[in-house]
């Protein structure tokens, strides 16, 4: 099986987003009171991903589209990324 670093990065991002969502904008003492030690923290149910993950996935799709069309640069990225953000 081929390793896919980008896929792993996106999964890690979504999991981190879901883990962080319930405690976003809380200070450390509040987080510890809610969840206990972070190494023992389970994935919330439901595991919610936020617009942070959604926008990152849109950016990744736009980058993939640009790469499929040839060498990636700012001008080649503009249209597919804009289209993904508008679709989002």
PDB file of N, CA and C in Angstrom:
ATOM      1  N   UNK A   1       0.845  -1.185   0.000  1.00  0.00           N
ATOM      2  CA  UNK A   1       0.000   0.000   0.000  1.00  0.00           C
ATOM      3  C   UNK A   1       0.889   1.246   0.000  1.00  0.00           C
ATOM      4  N   UNK A   2       0.541   2.219  -0.810  1.00  0.00           N
ATOM      5  CA  UNK A   2       1.301   3.452  -0.907  1.00  0.00           C
ATOM      6  C   UNK A   2       0.923   4.382   0.225  1.00  0.00           C
ATOM      7  N   UNK A   3       1.933   4.972   0.857  1.00  0.00           N
ATOM      8  CA  UNK A   3       1.665   5.956   1.901  1.00  0.00           C
ATOM      9  C   UNK A   3       1.240   7.257   1.234  1.00  0.00           C
ATOM     10  N   UNK A   4       0.303   7.900   1.808  1.00  0.00           N
ATOM     11  CA  UNK A   4      -0.170   9.171   1.275  1.00  0.00           C
ATOM     12  C   UNK A   4      -0.068  10.216   2.372  1.00  0.00           C
ATOM     13  N   UNK A   5       1.038  10.943   2.346  1.00  0.00           N
ATOM     14  CA  UNK A   5       1.315  11.914   3.396  1.00  0.00           C
ATOM     15  C   UNK A   5       0.238  12.993   3.481  1.00  0.00           C
ATOM     16  N   UNK A   6      -0.235  13.469   2.346  1.00  0.00           N
ATOM     17  CA  UNK A   6      -1.242  14.526   2.360  1.00  0.00           C
ATOM     18  C   UNK A   6      -2.542  14.030   2.993  1.00  0.00           C
ATOM     19  N   UNK A   7      -2.921  12.795   2.676  1.00  0.00           N
ATOM     20  CA  UNK A   7      -4.137  12.225   3.270  1.00  0.00           C
ATOM     21  C   UNK A   7      -3.971  12.103   4.778  1.00  0.00           C
ATOM     22  N   UNK A   8      -2.823  11.624   5.213  1.00  0.00           N
ATOM     23  CA  UNK A   8      -2.553  11.516   6.646  1.00  0.00           C
ATOM     24  C   UNK A   8      -2.588  12.867   7.330  1.00  0.00           C
ATOM     25  N   UNK A   9      -2.052  13.878   6.672  1.00  0.00           N
ATOM     26  CA  UNK A   9      -2.061  15.224   7.241  1.00  0.00           C
ATOM     27  C   UNK A   9      -3.494  15.740   7.384  1.00  0.00           C
ATOM     28  N   UNK A  10      -4.327  15.485   6.379  1.00  0.00           N
ATOM     29  CA  UNK A  10      -5.720  15.949   6.443  1.00  0.00           C
ATOM     30  C   UNK A  10      -6.500  15.209   7.538  1.00  0.00           C
ATOM     31  N   UNK A  11      -6.256  13.913   7.682  1.00  0.00           N
ATOM     32  CA  UNK A  11      -6.930  13.150   8.742  1.00  0.00           C
ATOM     33  C   UNK A  11      -6.470  13.662  10.105  1.00  0.00           C
ATOM     34  N   UNK A  12      -5.165  13.883  10.247  1.00  0.00           N
ATOM     35  CA  UNK A  12      -4.650  14.429  11.504  1.00  0.00           C
ATOM     36  C   UNK A  12      -5.233  15.785  11.814  1.00  0.00           C
ATOM     37  N   UNK A  13      -5.365  16.631  10.804  1.00  0.00           N
ATOM     38  CA  UNK A  13      -5.960  17.954  10.989  1.00  0.00           C
ATOM     39  C   UNK A  13      -7.409  17.840  11.475  1.00  0.00           C
ATOM     40  N   UNK A  14      -8.184  16.972  10.822  1.00  0.00           N
ATOM     41  CA  UNK A  14      -9.591  16.812  11.198  1.00  0.00           C
ATOM     42  C   UNK A  14      -9.725  16.255  12.614  1.00  0.00           C
ATOM     43  N   UNK A  15      -8.890  15.281  12.970  1.00  0.00           N
ATOM     44  CA  UNK A  15      -8.936  14.733  14.333  1.00  0.00           C
ATOM     45  C   UNK A  15      -8.542  15.789  15.362  1.00  0.00           C
ATOM     46  N   UNK A  16      -7.498  16.549  15.066  1.00  0.00           N
ATOM     47  CA  UNK A  16      -7.090  17.621  15.975  1.00  0.00           C
ATOM     48  C   UNK A  16      -8.169  18.674  16.126  1.00  0.00           C
ATOM     49  N   UNK A  17      -8.829  18.992  15.040  1.00  0.00           N
ATOM     50  CA  UNK A  17      -9.927  19.963  15.078  1.00  0.00           C
ATOM     51  C   UNK A  17     -11.066  19.444  15.939  1.00  0.00           C
ATOM     52  N   UNK A  18     -11.411  18.162  15.757  1.00  0.00           N
ATOM     53  CA  UNK A  18     -12.497  17.565  16.551  1.00  0.00           C
ATOM     54  C   UNK A  18     -12.133  17.491  18.023  1.00  0.00           C
ATOM     55  N   UNK A  19     -10.879  17.174  18.324  1.00  0.00           N
ATOM     56  CA  UNK A  19     -10.443  17.127  19.726  1.00  0.00           C
ATOM     57  C   UNK A  19     -10.431  18.515  20.355  1.00  0.00           C
ATOM     58  N   UNK A  20     -10.020  19.501  19.582  1.00  0.00           N
ATOM     59  CA  UNK A  20      -9.902  20.847  20.121  1.00  0.00           C
ATOM     60  C   UNK A  20     -11.201  21.624  20.183  1.00  0.00           C
ATOM     61  N   UNK A  21     -12.163  21.251  19.361  1.00  0.00           N
ATOM     62  CA  UNK A  21     -13.417  22.016  19.287  1.00  0.00           C
ATOM     63  C   UNK A  21     -14.104  22.225  20.639  1.00  0.00           C
ATOM     64  N   UNK A  22     -14.262  21.176  21.462  1.00  0.00           N
ATOM     65  CA  UNK A  22     -14.982  21.373  22.724  1.00  0.00           C
ATOM     66  C   UNK A  22     -14.287  22.317  23.704  1.00  0.00           C
ATOM     67  N   UNK A  23     -12.987  22.543  23.508  1.00  0.00           N
ATOM     68  CA  UNK A  23     -12.251  23.373  24.457  1.00  0.00           C
ATOM     69  C   UNK A  23     -11.702  24.653  23.836  1.00  0.00           C
ATOM     70  N   UNK A  24     -12.075  24.916  22.598  1.00  0.00           N
ATOM     71  CA  UNK A  24     -11.569  26.098  21.910  1.00  0.00           C
ATOM     72  C   UNK A  24     -11.901  27.353  22.713  1.00  0.00           C
ATOM     73  N   UNK A  25     -10.922  28.199  22.850  1.00  0.00           N
ATOM     74  CA  UNK A  25     -11.022  29.477  23.555  1.00  0.00           C
ATOM     75  C   UNK A  25     -11.096  29.331  25.078  1.00  0.00           C
ATOM     76  N   UNK A  26     -10.898  28.134  25.621  1.00  0.00           N
ATOM     77  CA  UNK A  26     -10.841  27.935  27.070  1.00  0.00           C
ATOM     78  C   UNK A  26      -9.393  28.048  27.529  1.00  0.00           C
ATOM     79  N   UNK A  27      -9.193  28.454  28.793  1.00  0.00           N
ATOM     80  CA  UNK A  27      -7.837  28.452  29.325  1.00  0.00           C
ATOM     81  C   UNK A  27      -7.481  27.043  29.807  1.00  0.00           C
ATOM     82  N   UNK A  28      -6.206  26.826  30.083  1.00  0.00           N
ATOM     83  CA  UNK A  28      -5.728  25.487  30.420  1.00  0.00           C
ATOM     84  C   UNK A  28      -6.434  24.913  31.653  1.00  0.00           C
ATOM     85  N   UNK A  29      -6.590  25.656  32.739  1.00  0.00           N
ATOM     86  CA  UNK A  29      -7.294  25.075  33.891  1.00  0.00           C
ATOM     87  C   UNK A  29      -8.721  24.619  33.547  1.00  0.00           C
ATOM     88  N   UNK A  30      -9.425  25.382  32.734  1.00  0.00           N
ATOM     89  CA  UNK A  30     -10.785  25.003  32.327  1.00  0.00           C
ATOM     90  C   UNK A  30     -10.769  23.736  31.479  1.00  0.00           C
ATOM     91  N   UNK A  31      -9.790  23.641  30.591  1.00  0.00           N
ATOM     92  CA  UNK A  31      -9.681  22.458  29.736  1.00  0.00           C
ATOM     93  C   UNK A  31      -9.408  21.219  30.580  1.00  0.00           C
ATOM     94  N   UNK A  32      -8.463  21.326  31.511  1.00  0.00           N
ATOM     95  CA  UNK A  32      -8.140  20.189  32.370  1.00  0.00           C
ATOM     96  C   UNK A  32      -9.334  19.780  33.221  1.00  0.00           C
ATOM     97  N   UNK A  33     -10.127  20.750  33.676  1.00  0.00           N
ATOM     98  CA  UNK A  33     -11.317  20.438  34.473  1.00  0.00           C
ATOM     99  C   UNK A  33     -12.347  19.694  33.623  1.00  0.00           C
ATOM    100  N   UNK A  34     -12.456  20.049  32.348  1.00  0.00           N
ATOM    101  CA  UNK A  34     -13.428  19.406  31.449  1.00  0.00           C
ATOM    102  C   UNK A  34     -12.989  18.019  31.000  1.00  0.00           C
ATOM    103  N   UNK A  35     -11.686  17.884  30.687  1.00  0.00           N
ATOM    104  CA  UNK A  35     -11.239  16.688  29.974  1.00  0.00           C
ATOM    105  C   UNK A  35     -10.258  15.814  30.736  1.00  0.00           C
ATOM    106  N   UNK A  36      -9.645  16.340  31.782  1.00  0.00           N
ATOM    107  CA  UNK A  36      -8.568  15.612  32.440  1.00  0.00           C
ATOM    108  C   UNK A  36      -7.304  15.746  31.620  1.00  0.00           C
ATOM    109  N   UNK A  37      -6.289  14.917  31.905  1.00  0.00           N
ATOM    110  CA  UNK A  37      -5.028  15.015  31.172  1.00  0.00           C
ATOM    111  C   UNK A  37      -5.235  14.790  29.672  1.00  0.00           C
ATOM    112  N   UNK A  38      -4.565  15.574  28.851  1.00  0.00           N
ATOM    113  CA  UNK A  38      -4.799  15.515  27.405  1.00  0.00           C
ATOM    114  C   UNK A  38      -4.455  14.165  26.806  1.00  0.00           C
ATOM    115  N   UNK A  39      -3.496  13.460  27.380  1.00  0.00           N
ATOM    116  CA  UNK A  39      -3.138  12.149  26.820  1.00  0.00           C
ATOM    117  C   UNK A  39      -4.227  11.106  27.055  1.00  0.00           C
ATOM    118  N   UNK A  40      -5.148  11.402  27.925  1.00  0.00           N
ATOM    119  CA  UNK A  40      -6.239  10.468  28.211  1.00  0.00           C
ATOM    120  C   UNK A  40      -7.557  10.919  27.588  1.00  0.00           C
ATOM    121  N   UNK A  41      -7.510  12.023  26.875  1.00  0.00           N
ATOM    122  CA  UNK A  41      -8.719  12.601  26.298  1.00  0.00           C
ATOM    123  C   UNK A  41      -9.225  11.743  25.142  1.00  0.00           C
ATOM    124  N   UNK A  42     -10.483  11.357  25.204  1.00  0.00           N
ATOM    125  CA  UNK A  42     -11.092  10.600  24.119  1.00  0.00           C
ATOM    126  C   UNK A  42     -11.667  11.526  23.073  1.00  0.00           C
ATOM    127  N   UNK A  43     -11.926  10.975  21.909  1.00  0.00           N
ATOM    128  CA  UNK A  43     -12.547  11.750  20.841  1.00  0.00           C
ATOM    129  C   UNK A  43     -13.990  12.035  21.241  1.00  0.00           C
ATOM    130  N   UNK A  44     -14.405  13.299  21.203  1.00  0.00           N
ATOM    131  CA  UNK A  44     -15.782  13.630  21.589  1.00  0.00           C
ATOM    132  C   UNK A  44     -16.792  12.923  20.686  1.00  0.00           C
ATOM    133  N   UNK A  45     -17.963  12.694  21.213  1.00  0.00           N
ATOM    134  CA  UNK A  45     -19.062  12.095  20.436  1.00  0.00           C
ATOM    135  C   UNK A  45     -20.232  13.049  20.470  1.00  0.00           C
ATOM    136  N   UNK A  46     -20.672  13.588  19.382  1.00  0.00           N
ATOM    137  CA  UNK A  46     -20.091  13.388  18.052  1.00  0.00           C
ATOM    138  C   UNK A  46     -18.785  14.174  17.920  1.00  0.00           C
ATOM    139  N   UNK A  47     -17.902  13.675  17.062  1.00  0.00           N
ATOM    140  CA  UNK A  47     -16.649  14.366  16.763  1.00  0.00           C
ATOM    141  C   UNK A  47     -16.956  15.413  15.697  1.00  0.00           C
ATOM    142  N   UNK A  48     -16.882  16.665  16.086  1.00  0.00           N
ATOM    143  CA  UNK A  48     -17.271  17.758  15.191  1.00  0.00           C
ATOM    144  C   UNK A  48     -16.029  18.417  14.605  1.00  0.00           C
ATOM    145  N   UNK A  49     -16.000  18.535  13.296  1.00  0.00           N
ATOM    146  CA  UNK A  49     -14.954  19.331  12.666  1.00  0.00           C
ATOM    147  C   UNK A  49     -15.555  20.693  12.342  1.00  0.00           C
ATOM    148  N   UNK A  50     -14.726  21.695  12.389  1.00  0.00           N
ATOM    149  CA  UNK A  50     -15.211  23.059  12.215  1.00  0.00           C
ATOM    150  C   UNK A  50     -14.902  23.576  10.814  1.00  0.00           C
ATOM    151  N   UNK A  51     -15.195  24.822  10.627  1.00  0.00           N
ATOM    152  CA  UNK A  51     -14.872  25.463   9.358  1.00  0.00           C
ATOM    153  C   UNK A  51     -13.368  25.467   9.114  1.00  0.00           C
ATOM    154  N   UNK A  52     -12.556  25.355  10.162  1.00  0.00           N
ATOM    155  CA  UNK A  52     -11.105  25.283   9.959  1.00  0.00           C
ATOM    156  C   UNK A  52     -10.750  24.084   9.079  1.00  0.00           C
ATOM    157  N   UNK A  53     -11.299  22.921   9.412  1.00  0.00           N
ATOM    158  CA  UNK A  53     -11.045  21.718   8.619  1.00  0.00           C
ATOM    159  C   UNK A  53     -11.684  21.843   7.241  1.00  0.00           C
ATOM    160  N   UNK A  54     -12.890  22.333   7.179  1.00  0.00           N
ATOM    161  CA  UNK A  54     -13.582  22.447   5.898  1.00  0.00           C
ATOM    162  C   UNK A  54     -12.824  23.354   4.932  1.00  0.00           C
ATOM    163  N   UNK A  55     -12.325  24.474   5.431  1.00  0.00           N
ATOM    164  CA  UNK A  55     -11.587  25.399   4.568  1.00  0.00           C
ATOM    165  C   UNK A  55     -10.227  24.824   4.164  1.00  0.00           C
ATOM    166  N   UNK A  56      -9.591  24.081   5.059  1.00  0.00           N
ATOM    167  CA  UNK A  56      -8.321  23.446   4.711  1.00  0.00           C
ATOM    168  C   UNK A  56      -8.518  22.399   3.632  1.00  0.00           C
ATOM    169  N   UNK A  57      -9.597  21.627   3.733  1.00  0.00           N
ATOM    170  CA  UNK A  57      -9.896  20.639   2.699  1.00  0.00           C
ATOM    171  C   UNK A  57     -10.195  21.317   1.366  1.00  0.00           C
ATOM    172  N   UNK A  58     -10.903  22.446   1.399  1.00  0.00           N
ATOM    173  CA  UNK A  58     -11.167  23.190   0.163  1.00  0.00           C
ATOM    174  C   UNK A  58      -9.855  23.674  -0.452  1.00  0.00           C
ATOM    175  N   UNK A  59      -8.950  24.183   0.375  1.00  0.00           N
ATOM    176  CA  UNK A  59      -7.648  24.618  -0.122  1.00  0.00           C
ATOM    177  C   UNK A  59      -6.884  23.446  -0.728  1.00  0.00           C
ATOM    178  N   UNK A  60      -6.899  22.300  -0.051  1.00  0.00           N
ATOM    179  CA  UNK A  60      -6.193  21.117  -0.556  1.00  0.00           C
ATOM    180  C   UNK A  60      -6.766  20.658  -1.897  1.00  0.00           C
ATOM    181  N   UNK A  61      -8.095  20.678  -2.018  1.00  0.00           N
ATOM    182  CA  UNK A  61      -8.697  20.295  -3.305  1.00  0.00           C
ATOM    183  C   UNK A  61      -8.287  21.257  -4.411  1.00  0.00           C
ATOM    184  N   UNK A  62      -8.269  22.553  -4.103  1.00  0.00           N
ATOM    185  CA  UNK A  62      -7.833  23.539  -5.096  1.00  0.00           C
ATOM    186  C   UNK A  62      -6.382  23.345  -5.488  1.00  0.00           C
ATOM    187  N   UNK A  63      -5.539  23.032  -4.520  1.00  0.00           N
ATOM    188  CA  UNK A  63      -4.122  22.780  -4.805  1.00  0.00           C
ATOM    189  C   UNK A  63      -3.957  21.527  -5.668  1.00  0.00           C
ATOM    190  N   UNK A  64      -4.735  20.488  -5.369  1.00  0.00           N
ATOM    191  CA  UNK A  64      -4.667  19.264  -6.169  1.00  0.00           C
ATOM    192  C   UNK A  64      -5.089  19.539  -7.609  1.00  0.00           C
ATOM    193  N   UNK A  65      -6.169  20.289  -7.772  1.00  0.00           N
ATOM    194  CA  UNK A  65      -6.631  20.634  -9.119  1.00  0.00           C
ATOM    195  C   UNK A  65      -5.559  21.405  -9.865  1.00  0.00           C
ATOM    196  N   UNK A  66      -4.944  22.390  -9.205  1.00  0.00           N
ATOM    197  CA  UNK A  66      -3.885  23.177  -9.847  1.00  0.00           C
ATOM    198  C   UNK A  66      -2.718  22.283 -10.243  1.00  0.00           C
ATOM    199  N   UNK A  67      -2.343  21.350  -9.374  1.00  0.00           N
ATOM    200  CA  UNK A  67      -1.218  20.455  -9.662  1.00  0.00           C
ATOM    201  C   UNK A  67      -1.515  19.535 -10.836  1.00  0.00           C
ATOM    202  N   UNK A  68      -2.765  19.150 -10.989  1.00  0.00           N
ATOM    203  CA  UNK A  68      -3.153  18.293 -12.113  1.00  0.00           C
ATOM    204  C   UNK A  68      -3.050  19.036 -13.444  1.00  0.00           C
ATOM    205  N   UNK A  69      -3.069  20.353 -13.392  1.00  0.00           N
ATOM    206  CA  UNK A  69      -3.026  21.165 -14.607  1.00  0.00           C
ATOM    207  C   UNK A  69      -1.615  21.564 -15.010  1.00  0.00           C
ATOM    208  N   UNK A  70      -0.636  21.275 -14.158  1.00  0.00           N
ATOM    209  CA  UNK A  70       0.752  21.610 -14.494  1.00  0.00           C
ATOM    210  C   UNK A  70       1.488  22.145 -13.285  1.00  0.00           C
ATOM    211  N   UNK A  71       2.658  22.778 -13.531  1.00  0.00           N
ATOM    212  CA  UNK A  71       3.455  23.312 -12.422  1.00  0.00           C
ATOM    213  C   UNK A  71       2.639  24.302 -11.581  1.00  0.00           C
ATOM    214  N   UNK A  72       2.752  24.163 -10.265  1.00  0.00           N
ATOM    215  CA  UNK A  72       1.945  24.990  -9.356  1.00  0.00           C
ATOM    216  C   UNK A  72       2.664  26.297  -9.051  1.00  0.00           C
ATOM    217  N   UNK A  73       1.945  27.366  -9.192  1.00  0.00           N
ATOM    218  CA  UNK A  73       2.418  28.699  -8.834  1.00  0.00           C
ATOM    219  C   UNK A  73       1.214  29.542  -8.473  1.00  0.00           C
ATOM    220  N   UNK A  74       1.441  30.748  -8.003  1.00  0.00           N
ATOM    221  CA  UNK A  74       0.330  31.597  -7.554  1.00  0.00           C
ATOM    222  C   UNK A  74      -0.766  31.785  -8.607  1.00  0.00           C
ATOM    223  N   UNK A  75      -0.389  32.024  -9.844  1.00  0.00           N
ATOM    224  CA  UNK A  75      -1.404  32.254 -10.877  1.00  0.00           C
ATOM    225  C   UNK A  75      -2.204  30.988 -11.172  1.00  0.00           C
ATOM    226  N   UNK A  76      -1.542  29.841 -11.143  1.00  0.00           N
ATOM    227  CA  UNK A  76      -2.243  28.583 -11.410  1.00  0.00           C
ATOM    228  C   UNK A  76      -3.137  28.187 -10.226  1.00  0.00           C
ATOM    229  N   UNK A  77      -2.802  28.629  -9.025  1.00  0.00           N
ATOM    230  CA  UNK A  77      -3.593  28.295  -7.832  1.00  0.00           C
ATOM    231  C   UNK A  77      -4.863  29.130  -7.704  1.00  0.00           C
ATOM    232  N   UNK A  78      -4.812  30.351  -8.182  1.00  0.00           N
ATOM    233  CA  UNK A  78      -5.885  31.313  -7.907  1.00  0.00           C
ATOM    234  C   UNK A  78      -7.269  30.794  -8.263  1.00  0.00           C
ATOM    235  N   UNK A  79      -7.454  30.384  -9.492  1.00  0.00           N
ATOM    236  CA  UNK A  79      -8.793  29.979  -9.940  1.00  0.00           C
ATOM    237  C   UNK A  79      -9.319  28.742  -9.208  1.00  0.00           C
ATOM    238  N   UNK A  80      -8.579  27.614  -9.149  1.00  0.00           N
ATOM    239  CA  UNK A  80      -9.152  26.440  -8.490  1.00  0.00           C
ATOM    240  C   UNK A  80      -9.391  26.645  -6.989  1.00  0.00           C
ATOM    241  N   UNK A  81      -8.516  27.383  -6.334  1.00  0.00           N
ATOM    242  CA  UNK A  81      -8.737  27.634  -4.900  1.00  0.00           C
ATOM    243  C   UNK A  81      -9.949  28.537  -4.713  1.00  0.00           C
ATOM    244  N   UNK A  82     -10.064  29.570  -5.516  1.00  0.00           N
ATOM    245  CA  UNK A  82     -11.233  30.457  -5.431  1.00  0.00           C
ATOM    246  C   UNK A  82     -12.517  29.671  -5.660  1.00  0.00           C
ATOM    247  N   UNK A  83     -12.527  28.800  -6.665  1.00  0.00           N
ATOM    248  CA  UNK A  83     -13.727  27.997  -6.954  1.00  0.00           C
ATOM    249  C   UNK A  83     -14.089  27.086  -5.785  1.00  0.00           C
ATOM    250  N   UNK A  84     -13.086  26.482  -5.151  1.00  0.00           N
ATOM    251  CA  UNK A  84     -13.357  25.620  -3.999  1.00  0.00           C
ATOM    252  C   UNK A  84     -13.926  26.413  -2.823  1.00  0.00           C
ATOM    253  N   UNK A  85     -13.369  27.604  -2.591  1.00  0.00           N
ATOM    254  CA  UNK A  85     -13.881  28.426  -1.480  1.00  0.00           C
ATOM    255  C   UNK A  85     -15.318  28.881  -1.766  1.00  0.00           C
ATOM    256  N   UNK A  86     -15.591  29.252  -2.999  1.00  0.00           N
ATOM    257  CA  UNK A  86     -16.955  29.675  -3.352  1.00  0.00           C
ATOM    258  C   UNK A  86     -17.913  28.498  -3.201  1.00  0.00           C
ATOM    259  N   UNK A  87     -17.517  27.309  -3.666  1.00  0.00           N
ATOM    260  CA  UNK A  87     -18.352  26.121  -3.513  1.00  0.00           C
ATOM    261  C   UNK A  87     -18.600  25.787  -2.045  1.00  0.00           C
ATOM    262  N   UNK A  88     -17.577  25.997  -1.196  1.00  0.00           N
ATOM    263  CA  UNK A  88     -17.718  25.718   0.232  1.00  0.00           C
ATOM    264  C   UNK A  88     -18.811  26.611   0.811  1.00  0.00           C
TER     265      UNK A  88
END
